[in-house]
N, C-alpha and C. Protein backbone atom coordinates (compact mmCIF):
# COMPACT_ATOMS: atom_id res chain seq x y z
N UNK A 1 24.69 18.55 -38.02
CA UNK A 1 24.40 19.67 -39.24
C UNK A 1 22.80 20.45 -39.40
N UNK A 2 22.75 21.83 -39.03
CA UNK A 2 21.77 22.34 -38.83
C UNK A 2 21.14 22.82 -40.32
N UNK A 3 19.80 22.03 -40.47
CA UNK A 3 18.86 22.17 -41.92
C UNK A 3 18.05 23.06 -41.51
N UNK A 4 17.23 23.06 -40.14
CA UNK A 4 16.08 23.87 -39.51
C UNK A 4 16.34 24.75 -38.49
N UNK A 5 16.25 25.75 -38.29
CA UNK A 5 16.52 26.91 -36.77
C UNK A 5 15.28 27.47 -36.70
N UNK A 6 14.99 28.16 -35.86
CA UNK A 6 14.07 28.95 -35.15
C UNK A 6 14.75 30.20 -35.31
N UNK A 7 14.14 31.22 -35.28
CA UNK A 7 13.84 32.82 -34.84
C UNK A 7 12.45 33.34 -34.68
N UNK A 8 12.14 33.40 -33.26
CA UNK A 8 10.98 33.83 -32.86
C UNK A 8 10.06 33.01 -33.36
N UNK A 9 9.06 33.14 -34.20
CA UNK A 9 7.94 32.06 -34.79
C UNK A 9 8.52 31.88 -36.13
N UNK A 10 9.58 32.11 -36.85
CA UNK A 10 9.71 31.63 -38.15
C UNK A 10 10.35 30.70 -37.86
N UNK A 11 10.30 29.60 -38.81
CA UNK A 11 11.22 28.41 -39.20
C UNK A 11 12.14 28.84 -40.66
N UNK A 12 13.75 28.57 -40.19
CA UNK A 12 14.27 28.79 -41.37
C UNK A 12 14.76 27.51 -41.96
N UNK A 13 14.91 27.60 -42.96
CA UNK A 13 15.31 26.28 -43.88
C UNK A 13 16.78 26.87 -44.61
N UNK A 14 18.03 25.90 -43.71
CA UNK A 14 19.20 25.77 -44.05
C UNK A 14 19.72 24.93 -45.28
N UNK A 15 19.80 24.93 -46.43
CA UNK A 15 20.14 23.81 -47.56
C UNK A 15 21.31 24.22 -48.11
N UNK A 16 21.70 25.48 -48.42
CA UNK A 16 23.19 25.11 -48.54
C UNK A 16 23.97 26.79 -48.31
N UNK A 17 25.63 26.40 -48.26
CA UNK A 17 26.42 27.40 -48.06
C UNK A 17 26.76 28.43 -49.15
N UNK A 18 26.36 27.73 -50.27
CA UNK A 18 27.04 28.38 -51.35
C UNK A 18 26.27 29.75 -52.01
N UNK A 19 26.85 30.43 -52.67
CA UNK A 19 26.24 32.02 -52.78
C UNK A 19 26.99 32.54 -53.94
N UNK A 20 26.75 33.43 -54.89
CA UNK A 20 27.47 34.20 -55.49
C UNK A 20 27.98 35.65 -55.40
N UNK A 21 27.63 35.75 -54.13
CA UNK A 21 27.90 36.95 -53.79
C UNK A 21 28.78 37.18 -52.42
N UNK A 22 29.38 37.92 -52.10
CA UNK A 22 30.51 38.47 -51.06
C UNK A 22 29.80 39.36 -50.52
N UNK A 23 28.83 39.87 -49.93
CA UNK A 23 27.98 40.94 -49.76
C UNK A 23 28.96 41.50 -48.03
N UNK A 24 29.05 42.89 -48.56
CA UNK A 24 29.87 43.45 -47.27
C UNK A 24 29.44 43.69 -45.89
N UNK A 25 28.02 43.11 -45.81
CA UNK A 25 27.33 43.31 -44.73
C UNK A 25 26.71 42.08 -44.18
N UNK A 26 27.26 41.16 -44.95
CA UNK A 26 26.60 39.49 -44.69
C UNK A 26 26.65 38.92 -43.22
N UNK A 27 25.65 38.57 -42.60
CA UNK A 27 25.83 38.62 -41.09
C UNK A 27 26.89 36.92 -41.43
N UNK A 28 26.86 36.24 -42.10
CA UNK A 28 27.89 34.97 -42.34
C UNK A 28 29.35 35.62 -41.81
N UNK A 29 29.68 36.98 -42.02
CA UNK A 29 31.13 37.02 -42.04
C UNK A 29 31.37 37.72 -40.52
N UNK A 30 30.00 37.85 -39.76
CA UNK A 30 30.31 38.29 -38.28
C UNK A 30 29.96 37.34 -37.23
N UNK A 31 28.98 36.34 -37.67
CA UNK A 31 28.78 35.71 -36.40
C UNK A 31 28.52 33.93 -37.28
N UNK A 32 28.45 32.84 -36.13
CA UNK A 32 28.05 31.58 -36.84
C UNK A 32 27.03 31.01 -36.64
N UNK A 33 26.48 32.01 -35.38
CA UNK A 33 24.91 31.53 -35.11
C UNK A 33 23.84 32.28 -35.66
N UNK A 34 22.70 32.10 -35.67
CA UNK A 34 21.56 32.90 -35.66
C UNK A 34 20.59 31.90 -35.21
N UNK A 35 19.89 32.65 -34.64
CA UNK A 35 18.53 32.27 -33.54
C UNK A 35 18.75 31.42 -32.92
N UNK A 36 17.99 30.31 -32.84
CA UNK A 36 18.67 28.74 -31.94
C UNK A 36 19.52 27.90 -32.46
N UNK A 37 20.34 28.39 -33.57
CA UNK A 37 21.06 27.57 -34.63
C UNK A 37 22.69 27.99 -33.77
N UNK A 38 23.37 26.76 -33.37
CA UNK A 38 24.85 27.48 -32.70
C UNK A 38 25.95 27.53 -34.12
N UNK A 39 25.52 26.94 -35.07
CA UNK A 39 26.01 27.08 -36.24
C UNK A 39 25.46 26.78 -37.67
N UNK A 40 25.10 27.62 -38.68
CA UNK A 40 24.49 27.20 -40.17
C UNK A 40 25.80 27.14 -41.17
N UNK A 41 26.75 26.85 -40.24
CA UNK A 41 28.02 26.12 -41.60
C UNK A 41 27.38 24.71 -41.97
N UNK A 42 27.10 24.37 -43.05
CA UNK A 42 26.93 22.98 -43.52
C UNK A 42 28.29 22.20 -43.84
N UNK A 43 28.66 21.16 -43.31
CA UNK A 43 30.03 20.29 -43.68
C UNK A 43 29.53 19.62 -45.20
N UNK A 44 28.42 19.83 -45.42
CA UNK A 44 27.83 19.16 -47.06
C UNK A 44 26.15 19.77 -46.86
N UNK A 45 26.08 19.87 -48.22
CA UNK A 45 24.47 20.17 -48.48
C UNK A 45 23.73 18.92 -48.01
N UNK A 46 22.59 19.43 -47.45
CA UNK A 46 21.80 17.94 -46.83
C UNK A 46 20.70 17.63 -48.18
N UNK A 47 20.69 16.42 -48.57
CA UNK A 47 20.04 16.13 -49.45
C UNK A 47 18.47 16.20 -49.58
N UNK A 48 17.54 16.18 -50.28
CA UNK A 48 16.13 16.49 -50.21
C UNK A 48 15.59 15.47 -49.01
N UNK A 49 15.87 14.06 -49.26
CA UNK A 49 15.28 13.50 -48.13
C UNK A 49 16.05 13.68 -46.86
N UNK A 50 16.98 14.06 -46.63
CA UNK A 50 17.46 14.48 -45.49
C UNK A 50 16.61 15.49 -44.77
N UNK A 51 16.36 16.75 -45.77
CA UNK A 51 15.54 17.84 -45.18
C UNK A 51 14.08 17.69 -45.18
N UNK A 52 13.54 17.17 -45.98
CA UNK A 52 12.17 16.24 -45.47
C UNK A 52 11.78 15.66 -44.15
N UNK A 53 12.99 14.55 -43.92
CA UNK A 53 13.15 13.79 -42.89
C UNK A 53 13.26 15.01 -41.41
N UNK A 54 14.09 16.00 -41.80
CA UNK A 54 14.49 16.89 -40.37
C UNK A 54 13.14 17.71 -40.38
N UNK A 55 12.28 18.02 -41.53
CA UNK A 55 11.13 18.72 -41.28
C UNK A 55 10.21 18.09 -40.73
N UNK A 56 9.96 16.60 -40.93
CA UNK A 56 9.00 15.90 -40.00
C UNK A 56 9.30 15.37 -39.07
N UNK A 57 10.55 15.41 -38.48
CA UNK A 57 10.82 15.50 -36.90
C UNK A 57 10.94 16.82 -36.16
N UNK A 58 10.22 17.85 -36.81
CA UNK A 58 10.23 18.98 -35.75
C UNK A 58 8.98 18.70 -34.79
N UNK A 59 9.19 19.09 -33.84
CA UNK A 59 8.02 19.25 -32.78
C UNK A 59 7.45 20.38 -32.55
N UNK A 60 7.62 21.62 -32.88
CA UNK A 60 7.41 23.07 -32.96
C UNK A 60 6.44 23.24 -34.39
N UNK A 61 5.91 22.61 -34.79
CA UNK A 61 5.50 23.51 -36.49
C UNK A 61 4.16 24.31 -35.97
N UNK A 62 3.66 23.55 -34.72
CA UNK A 62 2.26 24.11 -34.27
C UNK A 62 2.54 25.74 -33.94
N UNK A 63 3.98 26.23 -33.41
CA UNK A 63 4.27 27.41 -33.23
C UNK A 63 4.68 28.06 -33.64
N UNK A 64 5.02 27.54 -35.35
CA UNK A 64 5.70 28.39 -36.49
C UNK A 64 4.48 29.15 -37.05
N UNK A 65 4.71 30.55 -37.74
CA UNK A 65 3.78 31.09 -38.63
C UNK A 65 4.10 31.23 -40.18
N UNK A 66 5.83 30.94 -40.19
CA UNK A 66 5.78 31.20 -41.66
C UNK A 66 7.23 30.17 -41.91
N UNK A 67 7.57 29.96 -43.01
CA UNK A 67 8.87 28.89 -43.23
C UNK A 67 9.42 29.87 -44.16
N UNK A 68 10.49 29.86 -44.01
CA UNK A 68 11.50 30.67 -44.82
C UNK A 68 12.78 29.91 -44.96
N UNK A 69 13.33 30.25 -46.39
CA UNK A 69 14.35 29.22 -47.39
C UNK A 69 15.12 30.59 -47.21
N UNK A 70 16.25 30.49 -46.07
CA UNK A 70 17.30 31.25 -45.65
C UNK A 70 18.12 31.09 -45.05
N UNK A 71 19.62 30.75 -44.95
CA UNK A 71 20.57 30.28 -44.51
C UNK A 71 21.84 30.92 -44.39
N UNK A 72 22.74 30.45 -44.60
CA UNK A 72 24.18 30.73 -44.65
C UNK A 72 24.47 30.66 -46.12
N UNK A 73 23.71 30.27 -47.23
CA UNK A 73 24.10 30.62 -48.48
C UNK A 73 22.20 31.28 -49.16
N UNK A 74 22.64 31.24 -50.74
CA UNK A 74 21.47 31.49 -51.57
C UNK A 74 20.90 30.39 -51.77
N UNK A 75 19.27 29.96 -51.12
CA UNK A 75 18.74 28.96 -51.37
C UNK A 75 18.67 28.79 -53.09
N UNK A 76 18.47 29.72 -53.74
CA UNK A 76 18.15 29.50 -55.30
C UNK A 76 19.90 28.55 -56.15
N UNK A 77 20.69 28.62 -55.24
CA UNK A 77 21.41 27.96 -55.60
C UNK A 77 20.80 26.10 -55.99
N UNK A 78 20.03 25.85 -55.21
CA UNK A 78 19.36 24.64 -55.19
C UNK A 78 17.78 24.93 -55.85
N UNK A 79 17.67 25.71 -56.76
CA UNK A 79 16.06 25.95 -56.89
C UNK A 79 14.93 25.41 -57.05
N UNK A 80 15.34 24.10 -58.03
CA UNK A 80 14.24 23.02 -57.91
C UNK A 80 14.06 22.29 -56.63
N UNK A 81 15.23 22.26 -55.83
CA UNK A 81 15.07 21.50 -54.51
C UNK A 81 14.38 22.22 -53.68
N UNK A 82 14.43 23.62 -53.57
CA UNK A 82 13.93 24.67 -52.89
C UNK A 82 11.92 24.27 -53.23
N UNK A 83 11.94 24.08 -54.28
CA UNK A 83 10.41 24.10 -54.91
C UNK A 83 10.14 22.80 -54.67
N UNK A 84 10.75 21.65 -54.57
CA UNK A 84 10.27 19.89 -54.17
C UNK A 84 9.79 20.35 -52.64
N UNK A 85 10.67 21.18 -52.03
CA UNK A 85 10.90 21.07 -50.61
C UNK A 85 9.60 21.50 -50.03
N UNK A 86 9.60 22.84 -51.09
CA UNK A 86 8.43 24.15 -50.56
C UNK A 86 7.10 23.09 -50.90
N UNK A 87 7.07 22.04 -51.98
CA UNK A 87 5.35 21.39 -52.34
C UNK A 87 5.54 20.50 -50.89
N UNK A 88 6.22 19.99 -50.41
CA UNK A 88 6.23 18.87 -49.46
C UNK A 88 5.78 19.61 -48.03
N UNK A 89 6.50 20.74 -47.90
CA UNK A 89 6.04 21.42 -46.52
C UNK A 89 4.24 21.62 -46.79
N UNK A 90 4.26 21.93 -47.82
CA UNK A 90 2.75 22.74 -47.96
C UNK A 90 1.88 21.29 -47.86
N UNK A 91 2.08 20.39 -48.15
CA UNK A 91 1.28 19.41 -48.29
C UNK A 91 1.24 19.11 -46.42
N UNK A 92 2.14 19.13 -45.66
CA UNK A 92 2.13 18.92 -44.59
C UNK A 92 1.44 19.85 -43.79
N UNK A 93 1.75 21.10 -43.61
CA UNK A 93 1.23 22.14 -42.62
C UNK A 93 0.99 23.53 -43.86
N UNK A 94 -0.12 24.25 -42.91
CA UNK A 94 -0.64 25.31 -43.48
C UNK A 94 -0.22 26.41 -43.07
N UNK A 95 1.00 26.89 -43.65
CA UNK A 95 1.82 28.14 -43.20
C UNK A 95 2.18 28.20 -44.58
N UNK A 96 2.52 29.97 -44.55
CA UNK A 96 3.02 31.07 -45.93
C UNK A 96 4.64 30.39 -45.73
N UNK A 97 4.87 29.88 -46.97
CA UNK A 97 6.21 29.63 -47.33
C UNK A 97 7.10 30.92 -48.10
N UNK A 98 8.21 31.30 -47.64
CA UNK A 98 8.78 32.71 -48.02
C UNK A 98 10.33 32.01 -48.61
N UNK A 99 10.88 32.76 -49.36
CA UNK A 99 12.15 32.40 -49.95
C UNK A 99 12.86 34.01 -49.95
N UNK A 100 13.98 33.76 -49.00
CA UNK A 100 14.97 34.98 -49.25
C UNK A 100 16.06 34.91 -49.84
N UNK A 101 16.10 35.76 -51.07
CA UNK A 101 17.05 35.35 -52.17
C UNK A 101 17.79 36.80 -52.61
N UNK A 102 18.79 36.55 -53.28
CA UNK A 102 19.26 37.63 -53.99
C UNK A 102 18.80 38.13 -55.41
N UNK A 103 17.85 37.39 -55.95
CA UNK A 103 17.26 37.30 -57.51
C UNK A 103 18.19 37.19 -58.49
N UNK A 104 18.85 36.54 -58.29
CA UNK A 104 20.24 36.00 -59.35
C UNK A 104 20.24 34.56 -59.98
N UNK A 105 18.90 34.25 -59.75
CA UNK A 105 18.54 32.57 -60.18
C UNK A 105 18.87 32.36 -61.90
N UNK A 106 18.67 33.57 -62.38
CA UNK A 106 18.55 33.32 -63.53
C UNK A 106 20.15 33.46 -64.23
N UNK A 107 20.99 33.54 -63.79
CA UNK A 107 22.50 33.49 -63.43
C UNK A 107 23.21 32.46 -63.05
N UNK A 108 22.49 31.99 -61.98
CA UNK A 108 23.01 30.81 -60.95
C UNK A 108 22.34 29.41 -61.96
N UNK A 109 21.24 29.35 -62.10
CA UNK A 109 20.43 28.36 -63.15
C UNK A 109 19.51 28.76 -64.02
N UNK A 110 20.36 29.05 -65.39
CA UNK A 110 19.51 29.68 -66.21
C UNK A 110 18.38 28.79 -66.26
N UNK A 111 18.09 27.68 -66.41
CA UNK A 111 17.05 26.79 -66.79
C UNK A 111 15.70 26.64 -65.89
N UNK A 112 16.18 27.21 -64.87
CA UNK A 112 15.03 27.39 -63.79
C UNK A 112 13.77 28.27 -63.92
N UNK A 113 12.65 27.16 -64.30
CA UNK A 113 11.42 27.81 -64.65
C UNK A 113 10.91 28.47 -63.54
N UNK A 114 10.74 30.15 -63.64
CA UNK A 114 10.33 30.95 -62.73
C UNK A 114 9.26 30.54 -62.32
N UNK A 115 8.05 30.18 -63.25
CA UNK A 115 6.77 30.07 -62.67
C UNK A 115 6.46 29.17 -61.99
N UNK A 116 7.52 27.79 -61.64
CA UNK A 116 7.55 26.85 -60.18
C UNK A 116 7.68 28.12 -59.25
N UNK A 117 7.65 29.37 -58.96
CA UNK A 117 7.81 30.17 -58.10
C UNK A 117 5.71 30.28 -57.50
N UNK A 118 5.33 29.91 -57.86
CA UNK A 118 3.74 30.10 -57.78
C UNK A 118 3.24 29.08 -56.89
N UNK A 119 4.27 28.17 -56.08
CA UNK A 119 4.06 27.39 -54.99
C UNK A 119 4.40 28.34 -53.79
N UNK A 120 5.34 29.14 -53.75
CA UNK A 120 5.63 30.00 -52.71
C UNK A 120 4.86 31.26 -52.39
N UNK A 121 4.62 31.62 -51.25
CA UNK A 121 3.65 32.84 -50.77
C UNK A 121 4.35 34.04 -51.19
N UNK A 122 5.74 34.05 -50.68
CA UNK A 122 6.43 35.54 -50.98
C UNK A 122 7.82 35.28 -51.30
N UNK A 123 8.21 35.86 -52.32
CA UNK A 123 9.43 36.00 -52.91
C UNK A 123 10.01 37.47 -52.18
N UNK A 124 11.17 37.05 -51.21
CA UNK A 124 11.79 38.58 -50.74
C UNK A 124 13.29 38.71 -51.35
N UNK A 125 13.30 39.87 -52.10
CA UNK A 125 14.62 40.03 -53.07
C UNK A 125 15.28 40.72 -52.48
N UNK A 126 16.66 40.88 -52.11
CA UNK A 126 17.36 41.32 -51.55
C UNK A 126 18.05 42.78 -52.83
N UNK A 127 17.54 43.67 -52.75
CA UNK A 127 17.70 45.05 -53.49
C UNK A 127 19.00 45.72 -53.42
N UNK A 128 19.24 46.13 -52.33
CA UNK A 128 20.60 46.25 -51.52
C UNK A 128 21.13 47.30 -52.37
N UNK A 129 20.92 47.96 -53.54
CA UNK A 129 21.29 49.49 -53.91
C UNK A 129 20.55 49.69 -54.78
N UNK A 130 20.82 50.99 -55.53
CA UNK A 130 19.89 51.83 -56.24
C UNK A 130 20.57 51.90 -57.50
N UNK A 131 21.46 51.24 -57.87
CA UNK A 131 22.04 51.08 -59.30
C UNK A 131 22.97 49.95 -59.36
N UNK A 132 23.55 49.69 -60.50
CA UNK A 132 24.27 48.55 -60.63
C UNK A 132 25.77 48.63 -60.05
N UNK A 133 26.49 49.76 -60.23
CA UNK A 133 27.68 50.27 -59.70
C UNK A 133 27.81 49.97 -58.11
N UNK A 134 26.63 50.48 -57.29
CA UNK A 134 26.46 50.47 -56.10
C UNK A 134 26.32 48.80 -55.54
N UNK A 135 25.24 48.36 -56.12
CA UNK A 135 25.11 47.14 -56.16
C UNK A 135 26.41 45.78 -56.24
N UNK A 136 27.25 46.25 -57.40
CA UNK A 136 28.50 45.75 -57.19
C UNK A 136 29.71 45.94 -56.31
N UNK A 137 29.68 47.03 -55.79
CA UNK A 137 29.91 47.37 -54.44
C UNK A 137 29.78 46.60 -53.17
N UNK A 138 28.43 46.82 -53.02
CA UNK A 138 28.13 46.24 -51.86
C UNK A 138 27.99 44.55 -51.75
N UNK A 139 27.73 44.02 -52.73
CA UNK A 139 27.48 43.03 -52.81
C UNK A 139 28.61 41.76 -53.40
N UNK A 140 29.29 42.31 -54.26
CA UNK A 140 30.37 41.83 -55.01
C UNK A 140 29.70 40.40 -56.01
N UNK A 141 28.89 40.56 -56.75
CA UNK A 141 28.52 39.19 -56.95
C UNK A 141 29.65 38.46 -58.28
N UNK A 142 29.84 37.41 -58.32
CA UNK A 142 30.87 36.58 -59.13
C UNK A 142 30.22 37.10 -60.77
N UNK A 143 29.06 37.49 -60.85
CA UNK A 143 28.57 37.43 -62.24
C UNK A 143 28.98 39.01 -62.96
N UNK A 144 29.37 39.62 -61.96
CA UNK A 144 29.53 41.22 -62.42
C UNK A 144 28.35 42.03 -62.25
N UNK A 145 28.50 43.12 -63.23
CA UNK A 145 27.54 44.34 -63.71
C UNK A 145 26.14 44.07 -64.02
N UNK A 146 26.39 42.62 -64.73
CA UNK A 146 24.68 42.53 -65.07
C UNK A 146 24.06 41.87 -64.26
N UNK A 147 24.44 41.55 -63.16
CA UNK A 147 23.66 41.11 -61.73
C UNK A 147 22.55 42.14 -61.08
N UNK A 148 22.58 43.35 -61.22
CA UNK A 148 21.31 43.96 -60.95
C UNK A 148 20.40 44.35 -61.66
N UNK A 149 20.70 44.44 -63.24
CA UNK A 149 19.17 44.30 -63.98
C UNK A 149 18.89 42.96 -64.21
N UNK A 150 19.82 41.97 -63.89
CA UNK A 150 19.22 40.75 -63.64
C UNK A 150 18.25 40.41 -62.15
N UNK A 151 18.56 40.91 -61.30
CA UNK A 151 17.53 40.83 -60.32
C UNK A 151 16.43 41.68 -60.54
N UNK A 152 16.61 42.69 -60.70
CA UNK A 152 15.24 43.68 -61.21
C UNK A 152 14.35 42.96 -62.25
N UNK A 153 14.64 42.44 -63.29
CA UNK A 153 13.98 41.34 -64.24
C UNK A 153 13.76 40.22 -63.78
N UNK A 154 14.25 39.48 -62.77
CA UNK A 154 13.63 38.31 -61.74
C UNK A 154 12.47 39.07 -61.26
N UNK A 155 12.69 39.86 -60.52
CA UNK A 155 11.87 40.56 -59.59
C UNK A 155 10.48 40.84 -60.21
N UNK A 156 10.76 41.15 -61.76
CA UNK A 156 9.40 41.85 -62.31
C UNK A 156 8.72 40.59 -63.20
N UNK A 157 9.30 39.62 -63.31
CA UNK A 157 9.19 37.88 -63.36
C UNK A 157 8.33 37.34 -62.52
N UNK A 158 8.76 37.73 -61.51
CA UNK A 158 8.61 36.60 -60.59
C UNK A 158 7.03 36.78 -59.80
N UNK A 159 6.79 38.41 -60.11
CA UNK A 159 5.67 38.70 -59.55
C UNK A 159 4.49 38.66 -60.39
N UNK A 160 4.73 37.83 -61.40
CA UNK A 160 3.72 37.25 -62.32
C UNK A 160 2.77 36.17 -61.50
N UNK A 161 3.66 35.33 -60.59
CA UNK A 161 3.30 34.11 -60.40
C UNK A 161 3.18 33.97 -58.90
N UNK A 162 3.93 35.01 -58.28
CA UNK A 162 3.78 34.95 -56.46
C UNK A 162 4.01 36.50 -55.86
N UNK A 163 4.09 36.62 -54.42
CA UNK A 163 3.79 38.14 -54.20
C UNK A 163 5.75 38.24 -53.73
N UNK A 164 6.00 39.39 -54.42
CA UNK A 164 7.24 39.66 -54.27
C UNK A 164 7.64 40.94 -53.41
N UNK A 165 8.24 41.28 -52.43
CA UNK A 165 8.67 42.27 -51.90
C UNK A 165 10.44 42.70 -52.06
N UNK A 166 10.85 43.76 -51.85
CA UNK A 166 12.39 44.15 -52.16
C UNK A 166 12.67 44.17 -50.51
N UNK A 167 14.06 44.18 -50.29
CA UNK A 167 14.66 44.61 -49.13
C UNK A 167 16.24 44.99 -49.39
N UNK A 168 16.13 46.22 -48.51
CA UNK A 168 17.52 46.64 -48.20
C UNK A 168 17.97 47.02 -46.83
N UNK A 169 19.31 47.11 -46.94
CA UNK A 169 20.10 47.12 -45.49
C UNK A 169 20.12 48.83 -45.36
N UNK A 170 19.96 49.19 -43.89
CA UNK A 170 20.02 50.28 -43.43
C UNK A 170 21.13 51.12 -43.48
N UNK A 171 22.40 49.99 -43.59
CA UNK A 171 23.59 50.81 -44.07
C UNK A 171 23.82 51.62 -45.43
N UNK A 172 22.66 51.39 -46.53
CA UNK A 172 22.94 52.18 -47.53
C UNK A 172 22.96 53.84 -47.19
N UNK A 173 22.06 54.17 -46.08
CA UNK A 173 21.88 55.55 -46.12
C UNK A 173 20.61 56.02 -46.81
N UNK A 174 20.18 56.93 -46.08
CA UNK A 174 19.04 57.51 -46.26
C UNK A 174 18.63 57.96 -47.85
N UNK A 175 19.75 58.96 -48.65
CA UNK A 175 19.30 59.00 -49.82
C UNK A 175 19.34 57.56 -50.74
N UNK A 176 20.16 56.98 -50.59
CA UNK A 176 19.61 55.46 -51.52
C UNK A 176 18.66 55.08 -51.31
N UNK A 177 18.37 54.81 -49.84
CA UNK A 177 17.39 54.04 -49.63
C UNK A 177 16.43 54.79 -50.34
N UNK A 178 16.06 56.06 -50.02
CA UNK A 178 15.05 56.75 -50.71
C UNK A 178 14.77 56.32 -52.55
N UNK A 179 16.36 56.22 -53.18
CA UNK A 179 16.14 55.93 -54.48
C UNK A 179 15.70 54.40 -54.48
N UNK A 180 16.00 53.78 -53.69
CA UNK A 180 15.60 52.39 -53.66
C UNK A 180 13.87 52.16 -53.78
N UNK A 181 13.35 53.23 -52.54
CA UNK A 181 11.87 53.13 -52.49
C UNK A 181 11.22 53.66 -53.95
N UNK A 182 11.85 54.55 -54.73
CA UNK A 182 11.51 55.02 -55.72
C UNK A 182 11.45 53.84 -56.75
N UNK A 183 12.44 53.07 -56.89
CA UNK A 183 12.45 51.96 -57.70
C UNK A 183 11.62 51.08 -57.28
N UNK A 184 11.48 50.64 -56.27
CA UNK A 184 9.97 49.65 -55.48
C UNK A 184 8.90 50.00 -55.63
N UNK A 185 8.62 51.32 -55.73
CA UNK A 185 7.28 51.90 -56.10
C UNK A 185 7.15 51.62 -57.56
N UNK A 186 7.86 52.32 -58.60
CA UNK A 186 8.02 52.16 -60.11
C UNK A 186 7.67 50.76 -60.16
N UNK A 187 7.89 49.81 -59.68
CA UNK A 187 7.73 48.27 -59.63
C UNK A 187 6.47 47.95 -59.15
N UNK A 188 5.49 48.79 -58.34
CA UNK A 188 4.59 48.28 -57.61
C UNK A 188 5.25 47.05 -56.75
N UNK A 189 6.21 47.12 -56.11
CA UNK A 189 6.76 46.27 -55.15
C UNK A 189 6.96 46.65 -53.68
N UNK A 190 6.64 46.22 -52.78
CA UNK A 190 7.21 46.72 -51.60
C UNK A 190 8.46 46.48 -50.99
N UNK A 191 8.83 47.89 -50.48
CA UNK A 191 10.09 47.54 -50.09
C UNK A 191 10.29 47.49 -48.44
N UNK A 192 11.39 46.44 -47.73
CA UNK A 192 11.67 46.37 -46.60
C UNK A 192 12.68 46.97 -46.02
N UNK A 193 13.11 48.09 -45.46
CA UNK A 193 14.28 48.33 -44.78
C UNK A 193 15.06 47.45 -43.23
N UNK A 194 15.96 46.69 -43.84
CA UNK A 194 16.25 45.68 -42.82
C UNK A 194 17.27 46.39 -41.76
N UNK A 195 17.46 46.16 -40.58
CA UNK A 195 18.30 46.99 -39.76
C UNK A 195 19.92 45.85 -39.82
N UNK A 196 21.24 46.62 -39.32
CA UNK A 196 22.31 46.02 -40.18
C UNK A 196 22.70 45.38 -38.45
């Protein structure tokens, strides 16, 4: 079971395969492997203790310049566990910790206290559309049309506690990407265009 995997100088944390979205461009529909991991499919979710032990057993931590919660599922499906593990990591080493998320934690875990994100250095939110209808077409969230406004509100709230960035896939096309740039600029959140 692969909990941690390397891609260049980043160490990624793969703690769940659950996700409320079925994105048309999701990498897990194309390949089982990412970075040095042969497969990111989990036979079960690792316990918090298993995650901590796997981290303690890493021999390459001095080569890592960032730790990222991002695997074949939405990390915020286990939001409180992410926070606990992030705190543990920060007690052990001083590198930035990021969460890559779809921004739907308020729908997944309505009781999650967003102020806990203060322990995280950066939250990268997958914007992936310039309006709710396009978002539904691209990401096919199980929560439906409310998802887009929810992720925007999440990003707005989260940035009071930590650094927030948006990302979009280049498959959106230049017109929609430009619209996303406008949304991000209006919210004072940086935007990164990811290659498909």
